[in-house]
Protein backbone atom coordinates (compact mmCIF):
# COMPACT_ATOMS: atom_id res chain seq x y z
CA UNK A 1 -22.79 -12.57 -22.30
CA UNK A 2 -22.03 -9.95 -19.03
CA UNK A 3 -19.59 -10.59 -16.29
CA UNK A 4 -21.98 -11.77 -13.48
CA UNK A 5 -21.95 -13.13 -9.96
CA UNK A 6 -24.62 -14.14 -7.62
CA UNK A 7 -23.87 -16.30 -4.39
CA UNK A 8 -25.58 -16.91 -0.90
CA UNK A 9 -23.27 -17.88 1.63
CA UNK A 10 -22.20 -16.28 5.31
CA UNK A 11 -19.40 -13.77 6.18
CA UNK A 12 -16.36 -15.37 7.21
CA UNK A 13 -15.05 -12.44 9.53
CA UNK A 14 -15.88 -9.13 10.37
CA UNK A 15 -15.53 -6.74 7.27
CA UNK A 16 -12.39 -4.82 7.12
CA UNK A 17 -13.03 -1.40 6.06
CA UNK A 18 -10.50 1.15 4.79
CA UNK A 19 -10.08 4.59 2.91
CA UNK A 20 -8.05 4.94 -0.26
CA UNK A 21 -5.51 7.71 -0.66
CA UNK A 22 -8.00 9.17 -2.78
CA UNK A 23 -10.49 9.30 0.18
CA UNK A 24 -12.80 6.13 -0.95
CA UNK A 25 -13.91 3.78 1.35
CA UNK A 26 -13.61 -0.19 0.67
CA UNK A 27 -14.81 -2.95 2.30
CA UNK A 28 -13.50 -6.34 1.94
CA UNK A 29 -14.51 -9.66 3.49
CA UNK A 30 -14.70 -13.05 2.63
CA UNK A 31 -17.83 -15.09 2.26
CA UNK A 32 -18.56 -19.10 2.44
CA UNK A 33 -20.51 -20.94 0.39
CA UNK A 34 -21.38 -24.63 1.11
CA UNK A 35 -22.41 -27.50 -1.21
CA UNK A 36 -23.46 -30.64 -0.31
CA UNK A 37 -22.71 -33.98 -2.25
CA UNK A 38 -22.25 -37.79 -1.87
CA UNK A 39 -18.60 -39.00 -1.71
CA UNK A 40 -17.47 -42.35 -2.84
CA UNK A 41 -18.96 -44.30 0.34
CA UNK A 42 -22.15 -42.59 -0.06
CA UNK A 43 -22.19 -40.38 2.71
CA UNK A 44 -22.88 -36.83 2.29
CA UNK A 45 -20.05 -34.37 2.80
CA UNK A 46 -20.43 -30.64 2.36
CA UNK A 47 -17.74 -28.43 0.67
CA UNK A 48 -16.98 -25.22 1.60
CA UNK A 49 -15.63 -22.40 -0.99
CA UNK A 50 -14.49 -19.26 0.14
CA UNK A 51 -14.80 -16.35 -2.02
CA UNK A 52 -13.26 -12.94 -1.38
CA UNK A 53 -15.62 -9.69 -1.27
CA UNK A 54 -14.90 -6.22 -2.16
CA UNK A 55 -17.31 -3.49 -1.86
CA UNK A 56 -16.55 0.63 -2.70
CA UNK A 57 -18.24 3.92 -1.56
CA UNK A 58 -21.74 3.74 -0.21
CA UNK A 59 -21.85 -0.02 -0.61
CA UNK A 60 -18.87 -0.20 1.56
CA UNK A 61 -20.19 2.30 4.24
CA UNK A 62 -23.33 -0.18 4.66
CA UNK A 63 -21.58 -3.15 4.62
CA UNK A 64 -19.39 -1.43 7.59
CA UNK A 65 -22.56 -0.45 9.29
CA UNK A 66 -24.69 -3.96 8.82
CA UNK A 67 -22.53 -6.48 7.89
CA UNK A 68 -20.58 -8.91 10.35
CA UNK A 69 -19.30 -12.32 10.96
CA UNK A 70 -21.39 -15.42 10.40
CA UNK A 71 -24.11 -13.12 9.09
CA UNK A 72 -25.77 -15.10 5.89
CA UNK A 73 -26.07 -12.42 2.75
CA UNK A 74 -26.86 -12.76 -0.91
CA UNK A 75 -24.65 -10.90 -3.29
CA UNK A 76 -24.84 -10.15 -6.71
CA UNK A 77 -21.74 -8.45 -8.43
CA UNK A 78 -18.93 -8.91 -10.89
CA UNK A 79 -15.71 -11.10 -10.80
CA UNK A 80 -12.48 -9.48 -11.06
CA UNK A 81 -8.99 -10.39 -11.35
CA UNK A 82 -6.05 -8.77 -10.52
CA UNK A 83 -2.09 -9.41 -9.98
CA UNK A 84 0.78 -8.10 -8.04
CA UNK A 85 4.36 -9.44 -7.43
CA UNK A 86 5.11 -10.04 -4.24
CA UNK A 87 7.97 -8.74 -2.12
CA UNK A 88 9.93 -12.16 -2.74
CA UNK A 89 9.33 -11.86 -6.47
CA UNK A 90 6.51 -14.34 -6.84
CA UNK A 91 3.67 -13.43 -9.16
CA UNK A 92 0.29 -13.45 -7.67
CA UNK A 93 -3.74 -13.83 -9.22
CA UNK A 94 -6.33 -12.47 -6.80
CA UNK A 95 -9.69 -13.20 -7.69
CA UNK A 96 -12.58 -11.51 -5.99
CA UNK A 97 -16.21 -10.30 -6.20
CA UNK A 98 -16.60 -6.81 -6.66
CA UNK A 99 -20.35 -6.35 -4.98
CA UNK A 100 -22.68 -4.15 -6.69
CA UNK A 101 -26.25 -5.61 -4.54
CA UNK A 102 -26.13 -7.05 -1.20
CA UNK A 103 -29.12 -8.14 0.99
CA UNK A 104 -28.82 -10.05 4.40
CA UNK A 105 -30.82 -13.06 4.12
CA UNK A 106 -29.73 -14.60 7.58
CA UNK A 107 -32.84 -17.07 9.59
CA UNK A 108 -32.56 -15.00 12.24
CA UNK A 109 -33.65 -11.80 10.64
CA UNK A 110 -37.35 -11.26 10.85
CA UNK A 111 -37.06 -9.47 7.50
CA UNK A 112 -34.65 -9.53 4.66
CA UNK A 113 -33.00 -5.95 4.48
CA UNK A 114 -31.59 -4.79 1.19
CA UNK A 115 -28.22 -2.96 1.31
């Protein structure tokens, strides 16, 4: 079985694009996905999950040019976990999606445009 993630959601904030010490471009942004379900009272409620997404190299350049807050995107990639120790000495675990393919799917766009 392969490490594969696919989701469709909305970008929460404009992507933050930086350049590493080795000169490689990286874009970081969050994507919200929604799920509807009935609560105990039988009423529909929407649950939102936030996903951290990272795009590298040419994918980061395309994100920088075309992606922004509120845009609905389809993303496929792989799940990555990394950890570090904070300045306070606490161990932190970060789970993020490394984007390999992205497509704009916003309803206000006339055509789907692959990244």
